């Protein structure tokens, strides 16, 4: 049975959705249990040049994402890189749509 259209099932889909948009809002539970809303991006057009990564290795990013289920995104409000736990993320919101994260059972 196909999944709901506005559902993200995998950490790779999570990465793709953030990468495809210039800016998204995400909601996740921090390690201390508090909820966090973050306006973030992976678009270098929106990230100050001084904060661009020195080197970028997509295979390392994917390995970290698939093994630890953590994605590093740029927080547009706090102007810095942050770690986002895929397994504790509720949704990714684009300009027009909200994508719920499917929880592992």
PDB file of N, CA and C in Angstrom:
ATOM      1  N   UNK A   1       0.845  -1.175   0.000  1.00  0.00           N
ATOM      2  CA  UNK A   1       0.000   0.000   0.000  1.00  0.00           C
ATOM      3  C   UNK A   1       0.893   1.243   0.000  1.00  0.00           C
ATOM      4  N   UNK A   2       0.673   2.188  -0.921  1.00  0.00           N
ATOM      5  CA  UNK A   2       1.518   3.374  -0.973  1.00  0.00           C
ATOM      6  C   UNK A   2       1.330   4.252   0.258  1.00  0.00           C
ATOM      7  N   UNK A   3       2.409   4.914   0.635  1.00  0.00           N
ATOM      8  CA  UNK A   3       2.371   5.810   1.794  1.00  0.00           C
ATOM      9  C   UNK A   3       1.656   7.104   1.417  1.00  0.00           C
ATOM     10  N   UNK A   4       1.226   7.818   2.424  1.00  0.00           N
ATOM     11  CA  UNK A   4       0.619   9.122   2.224  1.00  0.00           C
ATOM     12  C   UNK A   4       1.582  10.030   1.467  1.00  0.00           C
ATOM     13  N   UNK A   5       1.040  10.856   0.596  1.00  0.00           N
ATOM     14  CA  UNK A   5       1.861  11.724  -0.240  1.00  0.00           C
ATOM     15  C   UNK A   5       2.712  12.694   0.583  1.00  0.00           C
ATOM     16  N   UNK A   6       2.210  13.173   1.679  1.00  0.00           N
ATOM     17  CA  UNK A   6       2.923  14.159   2.484  1.00  0.00           C
ATOM     18  C   UNK A   6       3.606  13.527   3.687  1.00  0.00           C
ATOM     19  N   UNK A   7       4.186  12.369   3.469  1.00  0.00           N
ATOM     20  CA  UNK A   7       4.910  11.660   4.523  1.00  0.00           C
ATOM     21  C   UNK A   7       6.342  11.398   4.060  1.00  0.00           C
ATOM     22  N   UNK A   8       7.284  11.584   4.961  1.00  0.00           N
ATOM     23  CA  UNK A   8       8.683  11.256   4.689  1.00  0.00           C
ATOM     24  C   UNK A   8       8.987   9.984   5.471  1.00  0.00           C
ATOM     25  N   UNK A   9       9.455   8.959   4.748  1.00  0.00           N
ATOM     26  CA  UNK A   9       9.675   7.642   5.345  1.00  0.00           C
ATOM     27  C   UNK A   9      11.118   7.359   5.732  1.00  0.00           C
ATOM     28  N   UNK A  10      12.063   7.982   5.052  1.00  0.00           N
ATOM     29  CA  UNK A  10      13.468   7.641   5.294  1.00  0.00           C
ATOM     30  C   UNK A  10      14.300   8.891   5.543  1.00  0.00           C
ATOM     31  N   UNK A  11      15.446   8.673   6.162  1.00  0.00           N
ATOM     32  CA  UNK A  11      16.363   9.782   6.426  1.00  0.00           C
ATOM     33  C   UNK A  11      16.863  10.392   5.121  1.00  0.00           C
ATOM     34  N   UNK A  12      17.016   9.587   4.089  1.00  0.00           N
ATOM     35  CA  UNK A  12      17.460  10.107   2.787  1.00  0.00           C
ATOM     36  C   UNK A  12      16.394  11.013   2.170  1.00  0.00           C
ATOM     37  N   UNK A  13      15.122  10.647   2.304  1.00  0.00           N
ATOM     38  CA  UNK A  13      14.036  11.519   1.824  1.00  0.00           C
ATOM     39  C   UNK A  13      14.040  12.835   2.601  1.00  0.00           C
ATOM     40  N   UNK A  14      14.341  12.761   3.881  1.00  0.00           N
ATOM     41  CA  UNK A  14      14.439  13.941   4.751  1.00  0.00           C
ATOM     42  C   UNK A  14      15.507  14.884   4.196  1.00  0.00           C
ATOM     43  N   UNK A  15      16.682  14.354   3.911  1.00  0.00           N
ATOM     44  CA  UNK A  15      17.776  15.130   3.330  1.00  0.00           C
ATOM     45  C   UNK A  15      17.338  15.736   2.000  1.00  0.00           C
ATOM     46  N   UNK A  16      16.740  14.930   1.144  1.00  0.00           N
ATOM     47  CA  UNK A  16      16.327  15.407  -0.183  1.00  0.00           C
ATOM     48  C   UNK A  16      15.327  16.550  -0.086  1.00  0.00           C
ATOM     49  N   UNK A  17      14.369  16.443   0.820  1.00  0.00           N
ATOM     50  CA  UNK A  17      13.342  17.482   0.957  1.00  0.00           C
ATOM     51  C   UNK A  17      13.985  18.801   1.391  1.00  0.00           C
ATOM     52  N   UNK A  18      14.902  18.750   2.322  1.00  0.00           N
ATOM     53  CA  UNK A  18      15.562  19.975   2.782  1.00  0.00           C
ATOM     54  C   UNK A  18      16.456  20.529   1.681  1.00  0.00           C
ATOM     55  N   UNK A  19      17.137  19.653   0.990  1.00  0.00           N
ATOM     56  CA  UNK A  19      18.046  20.083  -0.084  1.00  0.00           C
ATOM     57  C   UNK A  19      17.286  20.675  -1.268  1.00  0.00           C
ATOM     58  N   UNK A  20      16.094  20.159  -1.555  1.00  0.00           N
ATOM     59  CA  UNK A  20      15.305  20.631  -2.700  1.00  0.00           C
ATOM     60  C   UNK A  20      14.716  22.022  -2.493  1.00  0.00           C
ATOM     61  N   UNK A  21      14.551  22.409  -1.257  1.00  0.00           N
ATOM     62  CA  UNK A  21      13.945  23.705  -0.942  1.00  0.00           C
ATOM     63  C   UNK A  21      15.039  24.687  -0.531  1.00  0.00           C
ATOM     64  N   UNK A  22      14.814  25.959  -0.772  1.00  0.00           N
ATOM     65  CA  UNK A  22      15.777  26.967  -0.324  1.00  0.00           C
ATOM     66  C   UNK A  22      15.737  27.135   1.178  1.00  0.00           C
ATOM     67  N   UNK A  23      14.537  26.919   1.743  1.00  0.00           N
ATOM     68  CA  UNK A  23      14.339  27.133   3.178  1.00  0.00           C
ATOM     69  C   UNK A  23      13.164  26.267   3.634  1.00  0.00           C
ATOM     70  N   UNK A  24      13.314  25.635   4.797  1.00  0.00           N
ATOM     71  CA  UNK A  24      12.222  24.851   5.376  1.00  0.00           C
ATOM     72  C   UNK A  24      12.122  25.165   6.866  1.00  0.00           C
ATOM     73  N   UNK A  25      10.982  24.825   7.421  1.00  0.00           N
ATOM     74  CA  UNK A  25      10.805  24.859   8.871  1.00  0.00           C
ATOM     75  C   UNK A  25      10.695  23.415   9.319  1.00  0.00           C
ATOM     76  N   UNK A  26      11.402  23.095  10.376  1.00  0.00           N
ATOM     77  CA  UNK A  26      11.308  21.741  10.921  1.00  0.00           C
ATOM     78  C   UNK A  26      10.971  21.837  12.401  1.00  0.00           C
ATOM     79  N   UNK A  27      10.348  20.780  12.898  1.00  0.00           N
ATOM     80  CA  UNK A  27      10.042  20.692  14.326  1.00  0.00           C
ATOM     81  C   UNK A  27      10.557  19.352  14.808  1.00  0.00           C
ATOM     82  N   UNK A  28      11.351  19.392  15.880  1.00  0.00           N
ATOM     83  CA  UNK A  28      11.912  18.169  16.431  1.00  0.00           C
ATOM     84  C   UNK A  28      12.052  18.284  17.938  1.00  0.00           C
ATOM     85  N   UNK A  29      12.258  17.150  18.565  1.00  0.00           N
ATOM     86  CA  UNK A  29      12.476  17.102  20.008  1.00  0.00           C
ATOM     87  C   UNK A  29      13.975  17.077  20.261  1.00  0.00           C
ATOM     88  N   UNK A  30      14.448  18.032  21.038  1.00  0.00           N
ATOM     89  CA  UNK A  30      15.870  18.080  21.378  1.00  0.00           C
ATOM     90  C   UNK A  30      16.199  16.953  22.355  1.00  0.00           C
ATOM     91  N   UNK A  31      17.479  16.730  22.552  1.00  0.00           N
ATOM     92  CA  UNK A  31      17.934  15.664  23.436  1.00  0.00           C
ATOM     93  C   UNK A  31      17.416  15.837  24.865  1.00  0.00           C
ATOM     94  N   UNK A  32      17.224  17.098  25.301  1.00  0.00           N
ATOM     95  CA  UNK A  32      16.728  17.344  26.662  1.00  0.00           C
ATOM     96  C   UNK A  32      15.208  17.225  26.772  1.00  0.00           C
ATOM     97  N   UNK A  33      14.545  16.876  25.641  1.00  0.00           N
ATOM     98  CA  UNK A  33      13.107  16.655  25.659  1.00  0.00           C
ATOM     99  C   UNK A  33      12.261  17.858  25.257  1.00  0.00           C
ATOM    100  N   UNK A  34      12.883  19.012  25.061  1.00  0.00           N
ATOM    101  CA  UNK A  34      12.121  20.190  24.655  1.00  0.00           C
ATOM    102  C   UNK A  34      11.896  20.190  23.145  1.00  0.00           C
ATOM    103  N   UNK A  35      10.784  20.803  22.738  1.00  0.00           N
ATOM    104  CA  UNK A  35      10.485  20.917  21.315  1.00  0.00           C
ATOM    105  C   UNK A  35      11.211  22.115  20.735  1.00  0.00           C
ATOM    106  N   UNK A  36      11.663  21.960  19.512  1.00  0.00           N
ATOM    107  CA  UNK A  36      12.406  23.049  18.845  1.00  0.00           C
ATOM    108  C   UNK A  36      11.859  23.223  17.445  1.00  0.00           C
ATOM    109  N   UNK A  37      11.519  24.438  17.086  1.00  0.00           N
ATOM    110  CA  UNK A  37      11.170  24.799  15.720  1.00  0.00           C
ATOM    111  C   UNK A  37      12.379  25.510  15.134  1.00  0.00           C
ATOM    112  N   UNK A  38      12.746  25.142  13.915  1.00  0.00           N
ATOM    113  CA  UNK A  38      13.928  25.725  13.311  1.00  0.00           C
ATOM    114  C   UNK A  38      13.665  26.054  11.847  1.00  0.00           C
ATOM    115  N   UNK A  39      14.044  27.254  11.457  1.00  0.00           N
ATOM    116  CA  UNK A  39      14.033  27.662  10.053  1.00  0.00           C
ATOM    117  C   UNK A  39      15.433  27.392   9.534  1.00  0.00           C
ATOM    118  N   UNK A  40      15.532  26.478   8.564  1.00  0.00           N
ATOM    119  CA  UNK A  40      16.869  26.044   8.163  1.00  0.00           C
ATOM    120  C   UNK A  40      16.979  25.855   6.653  1.00  0.00           C
ATOM    121  N   UNK A  41      18.203  25.607   6.228  1.00  0.00           N
ATOM    122  CA  UNK A  41      18.503  25.445   4.810  1.00  0.00           C
ATOM    123  C   UNK A  41      19.736  24.574   4.619  1.00  0.00           C
ATOM    124  N   UNK A  42      19.887  24.106   3.389  1.00  0.00           N
ATOM    125  CA  UNK A  42      21.133  23.509   2.933  1.00  0.00           C
ATOM    126  C   UNK A  42      21.597  24.223   1.658  1.00  0.00           C
ATOM    127  N   UNK A  43      20.921  25.315   1.322  1.00  0.00           N
ATOM    128  CA  UNK A  43      21.235  26.090   0.124  1.00  0.00           C
ATOM    129  C   UNK A  43      22.386  27.051   0.409  1.00  0.00           C
ATOM    130  N   UNK A  44      23.473  26.905  -0.322  1.00  0.00           N
ATOM    131  CA  UNK A  44      24.621  27.786  -0.112  1.00  0.00           C
ATOM    132  C   UNK A  44      24.299  29.233  -0.480  1.00  0.00           C
ATOM    133  N   UNK A  45      23.239  29.452  -1.247  1.00  0.00           N
ATOM    134  CA  UNK A  45      22.825  30.828  -1.568  1.00  0.00           C
ATOM    135  C   UNK A  45      22.348  31.556  -0.312  1.00  0.00           C
ATOM    136  N   UNK A  46      21.838  30.814   0.650  1.00  0.00           N
ATOM    137  CA  UNK A  46      21.289  31.416   1.873  1.00  0.00           C
ATOM    138  C   UNK A  46      22.279  31.399   3.040  1.00  0.00           C
ATOM    139  N   UNK A  47      23.362  30.648   2.893  1.00  0.00           N
ATOM    140  CA  UNK A  47      24.359  30.504   3.968  1.00  0.00           C
ATOM    141  C   UNK A  47      25.501  31.488   3.714  1.00  0.00           C
ATOM    142  N   UNK A  48      25.865  32.298   4.710  1.00  0.00           N
ATOM    143  CA  UNK A  48      26.989  33.224   4.518  1.00  0.00           C
ATOM    144  C   UNK A  48      28.253  32.466   4.090  1.00  0.00           C
ATOM    145  N   UNK A  49      29.007  33.058   3.183  1.00  0.00           N
ATOM    146  CA  UNK A  49      30.220  32.399   2.661  1.00  0.00           C
ATOM    147  C   UNK A  49      31.164  31.977   3.775  1.00  0.00           C
ATOM    148  N   UNK A  50      31.241  32.777   4.835  1.00  0.00           N
ATOM    149  CA  UNK A  50      32.142  32.440   5.944  1.00  0.00           C
ATOM    150  C   UNK A  50      31.718  31.162   6.664  1.00  0.00           C
ATOM    151  N   UNK A  51      30.460  30.739   6.480  1.00  0.00           N
ATOM    152  CA  UNK A  51      29.964  29.522   7.121  1.00  0.00           C
ATOM    153  C   UNK A  51      29.870  28.336   6.169  1.00  0.00           C
ATOM    154  N   UNK A  52      30.298  28.527   4.915  1.00  0.00           N
ATOM    155  CA  UNK A  52      30.310  27.386   3.992  1.00  0.00           C
ATOM    156  C   UNK A  52      31.321  26.358   4.493  1.00  0.00           C
ATOM    157  N   UNK A  53      31.001  25.069   4.363  1.00  0.00           N
ATOM    158  CA  UNK A  53      31.958  24.040   4.791  1.00  0.00           C
ATOM    159  C   UNK A  53      33.244  24.139   3.971  1.00  0.00           C
ATOM    160  N   UNK A  54      34.356  23.842   4.614  1.00  0.00           N
ATOM    161  CA  UNK A  54      35.657  23.891   3.937  1.00  0.00           C
ATOM    162  C   UNK A  54      35.753  22.796   2.878  1.00  0.00           C
ATOM    163  N   UNK A  55      35.257  21.633   3.231  1.00  0.00           N
ATOM    164  CA  UNK A  55      35.225  20.511   2.300  1.00  0.00           C
ATOM    165  C   UNK A  55      33.891  19.814   2.458  1.00  0.00           C
ATOM    166  N   UNK A  56      33.397  19.262   1.375  1.00  0.00           N
ATOM    167  CA  UNK A  56      32.096  18.602   1.446  1.00  0.00           C
ATOM    168  C   UNK A  56      32.231  17.218   0.858  1.00  0.00           C
ATOM    169  N   UNK A  57      31.846  16.214   1.640  1.00  0.00           N
ATOM    170  CA  UNK A  57      31.929  14.835   1.189  1.00  0.00           C
ATOM    171  C   UNK A  57      30.542  14.208   1.347  1.00  0.00           C
ATOM    172  N   UNK A  58      29.840  14.075   0.227  1.00  0.00           N
ATOM    173  CA  UNK A  58      28.471  13.573   0.266  1.00  0.00           C
ATOM    174  C   UNK A  58      28.401  12.172   0.856  1.00  0.00           C
ATOM    175  N   UNK A  59      29.372  11.324   0.578  1.00  0.00           N
ATOM    176  CA  UNK A  59      29.318   9.964   1.126  1.00  0.00           C
ATOM    177  C   UNK A  59      29.411   9.978   2.649  1.00  0.00           C
ATOM    178  N   UNK A  60      30.198  10.905   3.227  1.00  0.00           N
ATOM    179  CA  UNK A  60      30.267  11.026   4.695  1.00  0.00           C
ATOM    180  C   UNK A  60      28.939  11.517   5.261  1.00  0.00           C
ATOM    181  N   UNK A  61      28.319  12.477   4.578  1.00  0.00           N
ATOM    182  CA  UNK A  61      27.024  13.005   5.015  1.00  0.00           C
ATOM    183  C   UNK A  61      25.990  11.886   5.027  1.00  0.00           C
ATOM    184  N   UNK A  62      25.943  11.116   3.945  1.00  0.00           N
ATOM    185  CA  UNK A  62      24.977  10.017   3.852  1.00  0.00           C
ATOM    186  C   UNK A  62      25.247   8.926   4.876  1.00  0.00           C
ATOM    187  N   UNK A  63      26.527   8.637   5.115  1.00  0.00           N
ATOM    188  CA  UNK A  63      26.880   7.619   6.102  1.00  0.00           C
ATOM    189  C   UNK A  63      26.427   8.050   7.501  1.00  0.00           C
ATOM    190  N   UNK A  64      26.673   9.305   7.868  1.00  0.00           N
ATOM    191  CA  UNK A  64      26.246   9.833   9.169  1.00  0.00           C
ATOM    192  C   UNK A  64      24.728   9.808   9.275  1.00  0.00           C
ATOM    193  N   UNK A  65      24.067  10.195   8.196  1.00  0.00           N
ATOM    194  CA  UNK A  65      22.613  10.231   8.190  1.00  0.00           C
ATOM    195  C   UNK A  65      22.021   8.832   8.337  1.00  0.00           C
ATOM    196  N   UNK A  66      22.558   7.878   7.603  1.00  0.00           N
ATOM    197  CA  UNK A  66      22.007   6.521   7.654  1.00  0.00           C
ATOM    198  C   UNK A  66      22.403   5.766   8.920  1.00  0.00           C
ATOM    199  N   UNK A  67      23.610   5.997   9.422  1.00  0.00           N
ATOM    200  CA  UNK A  67      24.062   5.280  10.617  1.00  0.00           C
ATOM    201  C   UNK A  67      23.496   5.899  11.903  1.00  0.00           C
ATOM    202  N   UNK A  68      23.682   7.207  12.067  1.00  0.00           N
ATOM    203  CA  UNK A  68      23.288   7.880  13.309  1.00  0.00           C
ATOM    204  C   UNK A  68      21.956   8.608  13.202  1.00  0.00           C
ATOM    205  N   UNK A  69      21.449   8.721  11.965  1.00  0.00           N
ATOM    206  CA  UNK A  69      20.167   9.381  11.694  1.00  0.00           C
ATOM    207  C   UNK A  69      20.177  10.839  12.151  1.00  0.00           C
ATOM    208  N   UNK A  70      21.340  11.478  11.911  1.00  0.00           N
ATOM    209  CA  UNK A  70      21.544  12.884  12.238  1.00  0.00           C
ATOM    210  C   UNK A  70      21.853  13.631  10.941  1.00  0.00           C
ATOM    211  N   UNK A  71      21.250  14.787  10.780  1.00  0.00           N
ATOM    212  CA  UNK A  71      21.536  15.630   9.617  1.00  0.00           C
ATOM    213  C   UNK A  71      21.982  16.996  10.117  1.00  0.00           C
ATOM    214  N   UNK A  72      23.022  17.534   9.505  1.00  0.00           N
ATOM    215  CA  UNK A  72      23.493  18.869   9.839  1.00  0.00           C
ATOM    216  C   UNK A  72      22.855  19.851   8.863  1.00  0.00           C
ATOM    217  N   UNK A  73      22.184  20.859   9.412  1.00  0.00           N
ATOM    218  CA  UNK A  73      21.530  21.889   8.616  1.00  0.00           C
ATOM    219  C   UNK A  73      21.971  23.252   9.128  1.00  0.00           C
ATOM    220  N   UNK A  74      21.762  24.268   8.311  1.00  0.00           N
ATOM    221  CA  UNK A  74      22.121  25.615   8.716  1.00  0.00           C
ATOM    222  C   UNK A  74      20.891  26.314   9.277  1.00  0.00           C
ATOM    223  N   UNK A  75      20.972  26.728  10.541  1.00  0.00           N
ATOM    224  CA  UNK A  75      19.886  27.435  11.222  1.00  0.00           C
ATOM    225  C   UNK A  75      19.942  28.901  10.786  1.00  0.00           C
ATOM    226  N   UNK A  76      18.923  29.324  10.053  1.00  0.00           N
ATOM    227  CA  UNK A  76      18.904  30.682   9.506  1.00  0.00           C
ATOM    228  C   UNK A  76      18.704  31.756  10.568  1.00  0.00           C
ATOM    229  N   UNK A  77      18.053  31.421  11.655  1.00  0.00           N
ATOM    230  CA  UNK A  77      17.826  32.406  12.714  1.00  0.00           C
ATOM    231  C   UNK A  77      19.033  32.552  13.639  1.00  0.00           C
ATOM    232  N   UNK A  78      19.658  31.437  13.972  1.00  0.00           N
ATOM    233  CA  UNK A  78      20.819  31.475  14.882  1.00  0.00           C
ATOM    234  C   UNK A  78      22.129  31.607  14.122  1.00  0.00           C
ATOM    235  N   UNK A  79      22.053  31.558  12.780  1.00  0.00           N
ATOM    236  CA  UNK A  79      23.227  31.728  11.919  1.00  0.00           C
ATOM    237  C   UNK A  79      24.355  30.759  12.270  1.00  0.00           C
ATOM    238  N   UNK A  80      24.024  29.466  12.263  1.00  0.00           N
ATOM    239  CA  UNK A  80      25.037  28.456  12.538  1.00  0.00           C
ATOM    240  C   UNK A  80      24.550  27.064  12.168  1.00  0.00           C
ATOM    241  N   UNK A  81      25.479  26.153  12.084  1.00  0.00           N
ATOM    242  CA  UNK A  81      25.165  24.754  11.761  1.00  0.00           C
ATOM    243  C   UNK A  81      24.628  24.058  13.000  1.00  0.00           C
ATOM    244  N   UNK A  82      23.598  23.241  12.823  1.00  0.00           N
ATOM    245  CA  UNK A  82      22.969  22.502  13.913  1.00  0.00           C
ATOM    246  C   UNK A  82      22.735  21.062  13.483  1.00  0.00           C
ATOM    247  N   UNK A  83      22.727  20.167  14.458  1.00  0.00           N
ATOM    248  CA  UNK A  83      22.428  18.755  14.215  1.00  0.00           C
ATOM    249  C   UNK A  83      20.948  18.514  14.461  1.00  0.00           C
ATOM    250  N   UNK A  84      20.321  17.815  13.539  1.00  0.00           N
ATOM    251  CA  UNK A  84      18.899  17.504  13.662  1.00  0.00           C
ATOM    252  C   UNK A  84      18.733  15.995  13.667  1.00  0.00           C
ATOM    253  N   UNK A  85      18.109  15.440  14.710  1.00  0.00           N
ATOM    254  CA  UNK A  85      17.888  13.994  14.786  1.00  0.00           C
ATOM    255  C   UNK A  85      16.653  13.594  13.968  1.00  0.00           C
ATOM    256  N   UNK A  86      16.860  12.826  12.920  1.00  0.00           N
ATOM    257  CA  UNK A  86      15.743  12.412  12.072  1.00  0.00           C
ATOM    258  C   UNK A  86      14.677  11.681  12.876  1.00  0.00           C
ATOM    259  N   UNK A  87      15.074  10.788  13.785  1.00  0.00           N
ATOM    260  CA  UNK A  87      14.112   9.975  14.540  1.00  0.00           C
ATOM    261  C   UNK A  87      13.278  10.770  15.539  1.00  0.00           C
ATOM    262  N   UNK A  88      13.687  12.006  15.825  1.00  0.00           N
ATOM    263  CA  UNK A  88      12.912  12.833  16.755  1.00  0.00           C
ATOM    264  C   UNK A  88      12.310  14.050  16.049  1.00  0.00           C
ATOM    265  N   UNK A  89      12.260  13.997  14.714  1.00  0.00           N
ATOM    266  CA  UNK A  89      11.683  15.089  13.939  1.00  0.00           C
ATOM    267  C   UNK A  89      10.217  14.801  13.675  1.00  0.00           C
ATOM    268  N   UNK A  90       9.358  15.785  13.919  1.00  0.00           N
ATOM    269  CA  UNK A  90       7.919  15.639  13.681  1.00  0.00           C
ATOM    270  C   UNK A  90       7.556  15.919  12.235  1.00  0.00           C
ATOM    271  N   UNK A  91       8.089  17.031  11.703  1.00  0.00           N
ATOM    272  CA  UNK A  91       7.730  17.394  10.340  1.00  0.00           C
ATOM    273  C   UNK A  91       8.762  18.310   9.711  1.00  0.00           C
ATOM    274  N   UNK A  92       8.674  18.388   8.381  1.00  0.00           N
ATOM    275  CA  UNK A  92       9.398  19.356   7.559  1.00  0.00           C
ATOM    276  C   UNK A  92       8.315  20.150   6.842  1.00  0.00           C
ATOM    277  N   UNK A  93       8.395  21.462   6.938  1.00  0.00           N
ATOM    278  CA  UNK A  93       7.385  22.307   6.322  1.00  0.00           C
ATOM    279  C   UNK A  93       8.039  23.178   5.254  1.00  0.00           C
ATOM    280  N   UNK A  94       7.544  23.060   4.027  1.00  0.00           N
ATOM    281  CA  UNK A  94       8.015  23.902   2.935  1.00  0.00           C
ATOM    282  C   UNK A  94       7.108  25.120   2.862  1.00  0.00           C
ATOM    283  N   UNK A  95       7.285  25.925   1.861  1.00  0.00           N
ATOM    284  CA  UNK A  95       6.453  27.117   1.708  1.00  0.00           C
ATOM    285  C   UNK A  95       4.971  26.750   1.618  1.00  0.00           C
ATOM    286  N   UNK A  96       4.659  25.608   0.968  1.00  0.00           N
ATOM    287  CA  UNK A  96       3.263  25.259   0.710  1.00  0.00           C
ATOM    288  C   UNK A  96       2.765  23.988   1.393  1.00  0.00           C
ATOM    289  N   UNK A  97       3.672  23.119   1.819  1.00  0.00           N
ATOM    290  CA  UNK A  97       3.251  21.810   2.335  1.00  0.00           C
ATOM    291  C   UNK A  97       3.978  21.441   3.617  1.00  0.00           C
ATOM    292  N   UNK A  98       3.319  20.598   4.398  1.00  0.00           N
ATOM    293  CA  UNK A  98       3.932  20.025   5.594  1.00  0.00           C
ATOM    294  C   UNK A  98       4.069  18.522   5.361  1.00  0.00           C
ATOM    295  N   UNK A  99       5.272  18.000   5.590  1.00  0.00           N
ATOM    296  CA  UNK A  99       5.558  16.575   5.434  1.00  0.00           C
ATOM    297  C   UNK A  99       5.812  15.974   6.804  1.00  0.00           C
ATOM    298  N   UNK A 100       4.949  15.067   7.226  1.00  0.00           N
ATOM    299  CA  UNK A 100       5.116  14.398   8.509  1.00  0.00           C
ATOM    300  C   UNK A 100       6.215  13.341   8.372  1.00  0.00           C
ATOM    301  N   UNK A 101       6.933  13.149   9.440  1.00  0.00           N
ATOM    302  CA  UNK A 101       7.969  12.118   9.464  1.00  0.00           C
ATOM    303  C   UNK A 101       7.351  10.834   9.991  1.00  0.00           C
ATOM    304  N   UNK A 102       7.496   9.766   9.241  1.00  0.00           N
ATOM    305  CA  UNK A 102       6.964   8.471   9.668  1.00  0.00           C
ATOM    306  C   UNK A 102       7.905   7.891  10.727  1.00  0.00           C
ATOM    307  N   UNK A 103       7.364   7.566  11.854  1.00  0.00           N
ATOM    308  CA  UNK A 103       8.151   7.006  12.967  1.00  0.00           C
ATOM    309  C   UNK A 103       8.440   5.531  12.743  1.00  0.00           C
ATOM    310  N   UNK A 104       9.635   5.139  13.120  1.00  0.00           N
ATOM    311  CA  UNK A 104      10.000   3.709  13.087  1.00  0.00           C
ATOM    312  C   UNK A 104       9.300   3.006  14.223  1.00  0.00           C
ATOM    313  N   UNK A 105       8.925   1.754  13.988  1.00  0.00           N
ATOM    314  CA  UNK A 105       8.271   0.971  15.054  1.00  0.00           C
ATOM    315  C   UNK A 105       9.184  -0.079  15.587  1.00  0.00           C
TER     316      UNK A 105
END
